[in-house]
Amino acid sequence: MMKKLYLFLFGLFQTLAFSQTQDLAVLATGKYLGLKSILDNDRNLFGYFALYDVGKTENNKKKNKLEYIIFDKNLNSLSSGNFETDETAIEYYSYINSEKQLVITPSFNAYDYAFDTSFYTPSDFIISLNDYKIKKKDNLQYDGTNLIPVPVSKTNGERKDDNRNLKKTLGYQLTSEVIELNNNQTLIFEYKYDRPLFKDISLKLFNDKNEKLWDYKFFDQDNKYNFVNFKVVNYDNDILIAKVNRHQKDSSEYNFMIFDLKTGKIMSVLPFPYENNLYITLNSADGAINGKYNTTDKLTSLLRYSGGPLNFYNEGFVKLIYDKSTNQLTFNDIHLLDDVYSSHKDIEELKDPFDSKDIDIKSVSFLKNNDIVIIFQKISRKNNAVSDIIMMHLDPMMKLKNLKVYPTQKNSTYLFSQYLNDKNDMVFFYADTERKNREKKWNLFINTFINGQWKQEVLPMSSENNITIPYIAKEGYILLQEFNEKEKFNKIRLERLNY
């Protein structure tokens, strides 16, 4: 008989007639691989994506056939289907793009992407949310003139051969970065290396039919000292914000540049003081963290900067806001050593950014009043051991309003954050272990931030050979999965939070 998991609620969860409960083990024939939340760009929950391994394909034993089930946020089953993996894919994730399509996107080994000559980029799959039909998305290849959809990307070795042949034929080496936007348009940043010149350094935009819409040149004339470092910071269907480091013989410029995405014209330019030490991706030990929040009239981005050769302790965050109504781009920053550590000496991790003690960013919440709440966890870079959770509350000008440290055990795990009350408030969750007399007990910590006040509640969890996995859920709820590997028990259900 299956051993039952007992949750000691202590009044934290209200009694709920569940809108839906699902047993994932009985819904498909394949081996259950996992459940993932489906979010859009603004971290709004659409539903859940369950994946199952059906086995090797008949035609290619390096590929697997996967079965999927899509649930809405109430755990109602919407659709199911299957697809064949690419052998270079490690894992698949899902999200809603700006065209309101469900995208199944693969992860892959970064080392293989950089160095393995046999590596090719695995394909995305697109599912229409109207009829739930699935199709494999063609990969896009750029030949210096045309953007060409192909069923399978060329391997690193094949692309290297193409460039070698191009250099023999035309006399230059082409470097191009293909940046697929989630509105089905594609940016190409390219330059040609014709020793000793970097020529035709440009940015191009192609539409969903792979037709070129515009071409922007970064220099009027070629010069051997010309070079550009280009990174996309944020965008929507109208505006593109980019970080552009533009180098010439006697000068270097570090600017945020605003492009009209429909015409390619420059709408605004704003210099920034961080030079090469500004990073547009908020990287965590667990992967990239979303640092963007866009509305119909404003594009907001959170960036990070680090110490440079002249100031090793210059480390902090930048909030960048573009206002469409005024065509104004502004930024504010916070310096961790001066603005945070000066009044919080207990956070030794901020004292020296170059020792092994650090704070690892876990989530960013953009509240409706333009405040930002950032969750960190203390980490040792020597062995990635984690400890205390830190909440940092910043006002719209990036001034520190509040900071709270949650002491934890050595095996604590940050789980996720989600918005409450139409983005006026938020809540984050973490798990911690409690050891007494050799007994280990898991606790779920629920931390709400409502009307500027923090409140913590604890949900003790005990089990016999079972694991309980929490997932992000619709506002006011948490999704709990009871998992028993031996007996294949994978029941998921929604529980209402008590606040």
Foldseek 3Di string as FASTA:
>chain_A
DDFDWDWDFVPFFDDDPQLDKDWVLPPDDFAWDDKAFAAELQRATFWMKTKGWPAADPPDRLKTKMKMWTAGQSRHTDDIDIDIWDSQFDDWDWYQFPVRKIKIAGDGDPCCVVDPQQDWHIWIWIAHPVVRDIDTFFDWDDLPPFIDGDNTGHGNNVVVVSQVVCCVPVVWGKDWDWAQHRVQKIKIFIWICRVLKTHQGWIWIAHNVRHTQDIGGPDPDIDSFWDKDWDWQDDDPFKTWIFIWITDDPDIFTWTWIAGVRHRDTLDIDGDDQHPFKARWQAFPVGTENAWDDDPFKTKGKIWGADDPVGRQFTWIKIWMQGNVVRDIDIAIDRCVPQPCVVVVVQCQSVGVPAQWHWGWDYWAQAPQRKIKTKTWIAGNVVRFTWKIKIFIAHNNRHTDDIDIDGADRPKAWDDKDAADRRNWIKTKIKGWDADPNDIWIKIWIWIQPPNDIDIDITTIDTDQWDWDWDDGHHQWIKIWIQHPVVSGTMITITGGDD
